[in-house]
Amino acid sequence: MSYVRHAILPALGAVTIATLIVATIAIGAQTPPTVQDGVFSDAQAMRGQTLYTQRCAGCHGPKLEGAQAPALTGEAFTAKFRMEPLSALFIQVRYAMPPRPPATTPPGAAASAQLTNEQGADVVAHILKSNGFPAGKTDFAGSAAVNSQIAWPAGRGTGAGSAPRTTWYAPTGNLAQLMRSVFFNNSNLIFSIQEMEAADLPPKPPASRPDGLTIFDWGLQLYTGWPVVENAATALADASALMMLPGLRCENGRAAPVTEPDWIRFTDEMIAVARRTYRLAQTRDREAVSSYTLDLSNACNACHRTYRDVGGRGRGLAGLANTSGRCAHR
């Protein structure tokens, strides 16, 4: 969904690439534990309950039932996180809660409100316990929680693929317009983190422009830094559901294959990768986000190879204009 070159893989030597492939195969052969496998302890959940009462209940309710902030129990809550590893919930609790205060907040006040890794893991344990998941003998480790692969129970939950047709509005444009307006620009912005500091995003227009900033340029500069990366990842994740719209058509007029298993799988993968990018952006770790852009590139290319580049896309504008085989399974 983006044509930008990826700067990470070419820099790796042949030995390193082979090592990565072997490691990837080994990891893929293992089934990660799920939250049903006792990934926290009762003692940890009790510590988390105390912390939750002190720090979270005012917004999420004393019984996690929701108040001015969403509920942290029930189907709607688990459906929100089930397509990501448990690390997503940890990052949300640890790095994004409480919501970032306004710029007028005195220095140091925001940092003191943020939980530590251990406290964040304890609160996650309490949330899991409150949702009926069993405790085990060991704690959910906060020190490694950002990269934890602990999963939720299998299942997609309620989403675009299972929603009744009557609940959807008809699409306005075609798939190519959706790609160019949302996926292309936002994925390229995320790829830019390989070459630029987040503070420098989005890139500023050249000072040599004769007529100065356009309204479009001015609007781009209103939001800068890590929030821009978060916004881009959010756009990719949530716009992916639009790829499942009944009635969506390809640029060549062919109906988008929204019921084909590969199309659904690629959509799910794109949502998962975009959400993970969002979580990593919340940690403000440029190296982690930069490394993960390879997964974003792979998610784009998997769908392209199957539905867009059928028969070979060719080179240059002539190749891009050849749309006759698109939206047909290779």
Protein backbone atom coordinates (compact mmCIF):
# COMPACT_ATOMS: atom_id res chain seq x y z
CA MET A 1 0.00 0.00 0.00
CA SER A 2 3.11 2.15 -0.20
CA TYR A 3 5.91 2.17 -2.72
CA VAL A 4 8.57 3.64 -0.43
CA ARG A 5 11.80 1.73 -0.26
CA HIS A 6 12.55 0.06 3.04
CA ALA A 7 15.91 1.02 4.45
CA ILE A 8 16.38 -1.74 7.00
CA LEU A 9 16.57 -5.03 5.11
CA PRO A 10 19.18 -4.08 2.46
CA ALA A 11 21.60 -3.11 5.23
CA LEU A 12 21.61 -6.62 6.66
CA GLY A 13 24.28 -9.07 5.64
CA ALA A 14 23.51 -12.50 4.18
CA VAL A 15 24.40 -14.24 7.44
CA THR A 16 22.19 -11.91 9.45
CA ILE A 17 19.27 -12.41 7.06
CA ALA A 18 19.67 -16.19 7.26
CA THR A 19 19.72 -15.97 11.06
CA LEU A 20 16.55 -13.89 11.03
CA ILE A 21 14.81 -16.38 8.76
CA VAL A 22 15.74 -19.31 11.00
CA ALA A 23 14.66 -17.40 14.09
CA THR A 24 11.37 -16.42 12.46
CA ILE A 25 10.63 -20.03 11.51
CA ALA A 26 11.44 -21.17 15.05
CA ILE A 27 9.21 -18.51 16.59
CA GLY A 28 6.39 -19.29 14.15
CA ALA A 29 6.53 -22.95 15.11
CA GLN A 30 5.75 -22.11 18.73
CA THR A 31 2.25 -21.32 19.90
CA PRO A 32 2.33 -18.26 22.18
CA PRO A 33 0.52 -18.51 25.52
CA THR A 34 -2.83 -16.80 25.88
CA VAL A 35 -4.44 -14.93 28.73
CA GLN A 36 -6.26 -18.19 29.53
CA ASP A 37 -2.96 -19.84 30.51
CA GLY A 38 -2.41 -18.18 33.90
CA VAL A 39 -0.03 -15.40 32.88
CA PHE A 40 -0.31 -13.43 36.14
CA SER A 41 -0.49 -14.26 39.84
CA ASP A 42 -3.24 -13.64 42.38
CA ALA A 43 -0.86 -11.54 44.46
CA GLN A 44 -0.10 -9.37 41.44
CA ALA A 45 -3.79 -8.92 40.70
CA MET A 46 -4.36 -7.80 44.30
CA ARG A 47 -1.60 -5.21 44.00
CA GLY A 48 -3.16 -4.10 40.75
CA GLN A 49 -6.57 -3.77 42.37
CA THR A 50 -5.14 -1.37 44.96
CA LEU A 51 -3.43 0.68 42.28
CA TYR A 52 -6.55 0.65 40.11
CA THR A 53 -8.66 1.98 42.99
CA GLN A 54 -6.17 4.77 43.60
CA ARG A 55 -5.34 5.76 40.04
CA CYS A 56 -7.98 4.48 37.59
CA ALA A 57 -11.37 4.00 39.25
CA GLY A 58 -12.26 7.70 39.08
CA CYS A 59 -12.53 7.47 35.28
CA HIS A 60 -13.19 3.77 34.57
CA GLY A 61 -15.47 3.07 37.56
CA PRO A 62 -14.74 1.16 40.78
CA LYS A 63 -15.75 -2.16 39.19
CA LEU A 64 -14.21 -1.41 35.77
CA GLU A 65 -17.76 -0.84 34.51
CA GLY A 66 -16.92 2.46 32.83
CA ALA A 67 -17.79 6.03 33.77
CA GLN A 68 -16.34 9.03 31.92
CA ALA A 69 -13.88 6.55 30.40
CA PRO A 70 -14.74 3.20 28.72
CA ALA A 71 -15.44 -0.02 30.59
CA LEU A 72 -12.51 -2.39 31.06
CA THR A 73 -14.61 -5.54 31.18
CA GLY A 74 -16.99 -7.26 28.81
CA GLU A 75 -17.14 -8.17 25.14
CA ALA A 76 -16.61 -4.64 23.82
CA PHE A 77 -13.39 -4.34 25.83
CA THR A 78 -11.93 -7.70 24.82
CA ALA A 79 -12.98 -7.16 21.19
CA LYS A 80 -10.95 -3.93 21.17
CA PHE A 81 -7.73 -5.74 22.11
CA ARG A 82 -8.19 -9.34 20.92
CA MET A 83 -6.40 -8.80 17.59
CA GLU A 84 -3.24 -7.60 19.38
CA PRO A 85 -0.96 -9.25 21.93
CA LEU A 86 -1.44 -8.46 25.62
CA SER A 87 1.43 -5.98 25.29
CA ALA A 88 -1.03 -3.57 23.61
CA LEU A 89 -3.12 -3.34 26.76
CA PHE A 90 0.05 -2.91 28.84
CA ILE A 91 1.29 -0.06 26.62
CA GLN A 92 -2.09 1.64 26.82
CA VAL A 93 -2.09 1.43 30.62
CA ARG A 94 1.59 2.18 31.13
CA TYR A 95 2.26 4.91 28.57
CA ALA A 96 -1.07 6.48 27.64
CA MET A 97 -2.92 6.56 30.97
CA PRO A 98 -3.89 8.94 32.35
CA PRO A 99 -4.46 10.83 29.08
CA ARG A 100 -1.66 13.26 28.37
CA PRO A 101 -2.24 16.54 30.22
CA PRO A 102 -2.35 19.91 28.46
CA ALA A 103 0.87 21.80 27.81
CA THR A 104 0.12 24.09 30.77
CA THR A 105 0.71 21.26 33.25
CA PRO A 106 3.74 22.03 35.47
CA PRO A 107 6.93 20.13 34.51
CA GLY A 108 7.22 16.81 36.32
CA ALA A 109 3.53 16.52 37.17
CA ALA A 110 2.72 14.39 34.14
CA ALA A 111 5.68 12.07 34.74
CA SER A 112 4.67 11.49 38.35
CA ALA A 113 1.16 10.46 37.26
CA GLN A 114 2.44 7.81 34.85
CA LEU A 115 2.73 4.25 36.15
CA THR A 116 6.01 2.35 36.25
CA ASN A 117 6.49 -0.86 34.27
CA GLU A 118 5.77 -2.96 37.36
CA GLN A 119 2.69 -0.93 38.29
CA GLY A 120 1.38 -1.13 34.74
CA ALA A 121 1.78 -4.91 34.75
CA ASP A 122 -0.02 -5.11 38.11
CA VAL A 123 -2.99 -3.13 36.79
CA VAL A 124 -3.13 -5.36 33.69
CA ALA A 125 -3.21 -8.39 36.02
CA HIS A 126 -6.18 -6.89 37.87
CA ILE A 127 -7.98 -6.21 34.59
CA LEU A 128 -7.42 -9.80 33.44
CA LYS A 129 -8.63 -11.16 36.78
CA SER A 130 -11.72 -8.95 36.60
CA ASN A 131 -12.49 -10.34 33.15
CA GLY A 132 -12.49 -13.90 34.47
CA PHE A 133 -9.10 -15.05 33.23
CA PRO A 134 -7.30 -17.49 35.56
CA ALA A 135 -4.29 -16.64 37.67
CA GLY A 136 -1.09 -18.66 37.54
CA LYS A 137 1.95 -18.99 39.76
CA THR A 138 4.13 -16.20 38.35
CA ASP A 139 3.67 -12.48 37.74
CA PHE A 140 3.14 -10.89 34.35
CA ALA A 141 6.61 -9.33 33.99
CA GLY A 142 6.53 -5.58 33.51
CA SER A 143 10.16 -5.45 32.42
CA ALA A 144 9.40 -7.39 29.21
CA ALA A 145 5.74 -6.48 28.79
CA VAL A 146 6.16 -4.14 25.79
CA ASN A 147 7.35 -7.04 23.64
CA SER A 148 5.26 -9.79 25.22
CA GLN A 149 3.60 -12.13 22.71
CA ILE A 150 0.91 -13.35 25.12
CA ALA A 151 -2.29 -13.46 23.06
CA TRP A 152 -6.03 -13.28 23.64
CA PRO A 153 -8.32 -16.24 22.91
CA ALA A 154 -8.68 -16.98 19.20
CA GLY A 155 -11.43 -15.24 17.26
CA ARG A 156 -11.94 -12.04 15.34
CA GLY A 157 -14.76 -10.68 17.45
CA THR A 158 -17.42 -8.47 15.95
CA GLY A 159 -16.05 -6.54 13.00
CA ALA A 160 -16.51 -5.51 9.40
CA GLY A 161 -16.41 -9.08 8.10
CA SER A 162 -19.36 -10.21 10.23
CA ALA A 163 -21.47 -7.05 10.36
CA PRO A 164 -24.81 -7.16 8.52
CA ARG A 165 -24.77 -5.46 5.13
CA THR A 166 -27.59 -3.16 6.16
CA THR A 167 -25.38 -1.53 8.81
CA TRP A 168 -22.94 -0.17 6.24
CA TYR A 169 -23.08 2.95 4.14
CA ALA A 170 -22.25 2.52 0.48
CA PRO A 171 -18.66 3.45 -0.43
CA THR A 172 -18.14 6.77 -2.19
CA GLY A 173 -14.93 6.00 -4.07
CA ASN A 174 -13.06 2.95 -5.27
CA LEU A 175 -10.29 0.93 -3.66
CA ALA A 176 -7.51 2.83 -5.46
CA GLN A 177 -8.81 6.13 -4.12
CA LEU A 178 -8.91 4.70 -0.61
CA MET A 179 -5.32 3.50 -0.98
CA ARG A 180 -4.04 6.81 -2.33
CA SER A 181 -5.89 9.05 0.11
CA VAL A 182 -5.30 7.10 3.33
CA PHE A 183 -2.88 4.19 3.08
CA PHE A 184 -0.19 5.64 0.82
CA ASN A 185 0.34 8.91 2.68
CA ASN A 186 0.06 7.55 6.20
CA SER A 187 2.26 4.52 5.66
CA ASN A 188 4.93 6.71 4.06
CA LEU A 189 4.81 9.06 7.03
CA ILE A 190 5.45 6.09 9.32
CA PHE A 191 8.29 4.88 7.09
CA SER A 192 9.85 8.35 7.45
CA ILE A 193 10.69 7.56 11.08
CA GLN A 194 13.62 5.53 9.68
CA GLU A 195 15.25 8.74 8.47
CA MET A 196 13.90 11.50 10.73
CA GLU A 197 13.32 12.17 14.39
CA ALA A 198 9.66 12.17 15.37
CA ALA A 199 9.99 15.81 16.41
CA ASP A 200 10.68 16.70 12.77
CA LEU A 201 7.50 15.08 11.45
CA PRO A 202 5.72 15.93 9.28
CA PRO A 203 8.51 17.25 7.02
CA LYS A 204 8.31 20.99 6.52
CA PRO A 205 7.81 22.40 3.00
CA PRO A 206 10.88 23.99 1.39
CA ALA A 207 11.58 27.57 2.42
CA SER A 208 12.33 28.38 -1.21
CA ARG A 209 8.68 28.10 -2.22
CA PRO A 210 7.91 31.48 -3.82
CA ASP A 211 4.43 31.96 -2.42
CA GLY A 212 5.05 30.60 1.08
CA LEU A 213 2.79 28.09 2.84
CA THR A 214 -0.46 26.95 1.32
CA ILE A 215 -3.49 26.26 3.52
CA PHE A 216 -2.68 22.57 3.11
CA ASP A 217 0.90 23.09 4.34
CA TRP A 218 -0.33 25.17 7.26
CA GLY A 219 -2.75 22.45 8.29
CA LEU A 220 -0.05 19.77 8.20
CA GLN A 221 2.11 21.74 10.65
CA LEU A 222 -0.61 22.00 13.31
CA TYR A 223 0.15 18.48 14.57
CA THR A 224 3.77 17.45 14.96
CA GLY A 225 5.98 14.87 16.61
CA TRP A 226 4.91 11.49 17.95
CA PRO A 227 1.16 12.28 17.85
CA VAL A 228 1.52 12.47 14.05
CA VAL A 229 2.92 8.93 13.96
CA GLU A 230 0.12 7.75 16.27
CA ASN A 231 -2.47 9.44 14.03
CA ALA A 232 -1.02 7.80 10.92
CA ALA A 233 -1.09 4.35 12.51
CA THR A 234 -4.64 4.91 13.73
CA ALA A 235 -5.72 5.92 10.22
CA LEU A 236 -4.24 2.72 8.76
CA ALA A 237 -5.83 0.50 11.41
CA ASP A 238 -9.32 1.96 11.28
CA ALA A 239 -9.42 2.60 7.54
CA SER A 240 -8.57 -1.07 6.96
CA ALA A 241 -12.13 -1.93 7.97
CA LEU A 242 -13.30 0.08 4.95
CA MET A 243 -11.66 -2.54 2.75
CA MET A 244 -14.48 -4.85 3.86
CA LEU A 245 -17.29 -2.54 2.76
CA PRO A 246 -19.90 -4.39 0.68
CA GLY A 247 -20.10 -2.72 -2.71
CA LEU A 248 -16.47 -1.56 -2.71
CA ARG A 249 -14.98 -1.82 -6.20
CA CYS A 250 -11.52 -1.81 -7.66
CA GLU A 251 -10.35 0.96 -9.99
CA ASN A 252 -11.07 -1.32 -12.98
CA GLY A 253 -14.69 -1.80 -11.88
CA ARG A 254 -14.23 -5.32 -10.52
CA ALA A 255 -15.85 -5.89 -7.11
CA ALA A 256 -13.37 -6.00 -4.24
CA PRO A 257 -13.24 -9.65 -3.05
CA VAL A 258 -14.42 -8.86 0.48
CA THR A 259 -15.59 -12.43 1.14
CA GLU A 260 -12.40 -14.21 0.03
CA PRO A 261 -10.39 -15.76 2.89
CA ASP A 262 -7.10 -14.19 1.75
CA TRP A 263 -8.66 -10.72 1.52
CA ILE A 264 -10.07 -11.06 5.04
CA ARG A 265 -6.76 -12.41 6.34
CA PHE A 266 -4.73 -9.60 4.79
CA THR A 267 -7.16 -7.05 6.21
CA ASP A 268 -6.83 -8.57 9.67
CA GLU A 269 -3.04 -8.58 9.36
CA MET A 270 -2.99 -4.94 8.31
CA ILE A 271 -5.14 -3.95 11.27
CA ALA A 272 -2.90 -5.91 13.65
CA VAL A 273 0.31 -4.39 12.26
CA ALA A 274 -1.08 -0.86 12.27
CA ARG A 275 -2.28 -1.24 15.84
CA ARG A 276 1.11 -2.55 16.91
CA THR A 277 2.73 0.45 15.22
CA TYR A 278 0.39 2.69 17.20
CA ARG A 279 1.35 0.99 20.46
CA LEU A 280 5.07 1.29 19.74
CA ALA A 281 4.60 4.97 18.88
CA GLN A 282 3.05 5.41 22.31
CA THR A 283 6.32 4.25 23.87
CA ARG A 284 8.21 7.02 22.01
CA ASP A 285 10.87 4.50 21.02
CA ARG A 286 12.10 5.52 17.57
CA GLU A 287 14.28 2.44 17.12
CA ALA A 288 11.37 0.10 17.88
CA VAL A 289 9.03 1.87 15.46
CA SER A 290 11.71 2.07 12.77
CA SER A 291 12.43 -1.66 13.05
CA TYR A 292 8.74 -2.52 12.96
CA THR A 293 8.20 -0.68 9.69
CA LEU A 294 9.44 -3.87 8.00
CA ASP A 295 6.29 -5.61 9.27
CA LEU A 296 4.18 -2.76 7.91
CA SER A 297 5.88 -3.05 4.53
CA ASN A 298 5.35 -6.82 4.51
CA ALA A 299 1.66 -6.43 5.36
CA CYS A 300 1.20 -4.07 2.41
CA ASN A 301 3.15 -6.25 0.01
CA ALA A 302 1.33 -9.47 0.94
CA CYS A 303 -1.96 -8.05 -0.35
CA HIS A 304 -0.30 -6.35 -3.31
CA ARG A 305 1.30 -9.57 -4.53
CA THR A 306 -2.02 -11.40 -4.42
CA TYR A 307 -4.53 -8.81 -5.61
CA ARG A 308 -2.72 -5.85 -7.15
CA ASP A 309 0.46 -7.02 -8.86
CA VAL A 310 -1.20 -9.86 -10.74
CA GLY A 311 0.83 -10.58 -13.85
CA GLY A 312 3.49 -8.07 -12.83
CA ARG A 313 2.95 -4.39 -12.21
CA GLY A 314 5.70 -3.27 -14.54
CA ARG A 315 7.77 -0.15 -14.11
CA GLY A 316 6.97 3.53 -14.01
CA LEU A 317 3.65 5.18 -14.74
CA ALA A 318 2.84 2.70 -17.49
CA GLY A 319 2.92 -0.14 -14.97
CA LEU A 320 0.82 1.79 -12.46
CA ALA A 321 -1.78 2.49 -15.14
CA ASN A 322 -2.22 -1.21 -15.93
CA THR A 323 -5.12 -2.06 -13.63
CA SER A 324 -6.80 -4.83 -15.62
CA GLY A 325 -5.78 -7.67 -13.31
CA ARG A 326 -6.38 -5.99 -9.98
CA CYS A 327 -8.80 -7.33 -7.34
CA ALA A 328 -8.54 -10.77 -8.93
CA HIS A 329 -6.78 -13.42 -6.88
CA ARG A 330 -3.42 -14.36 -8.35
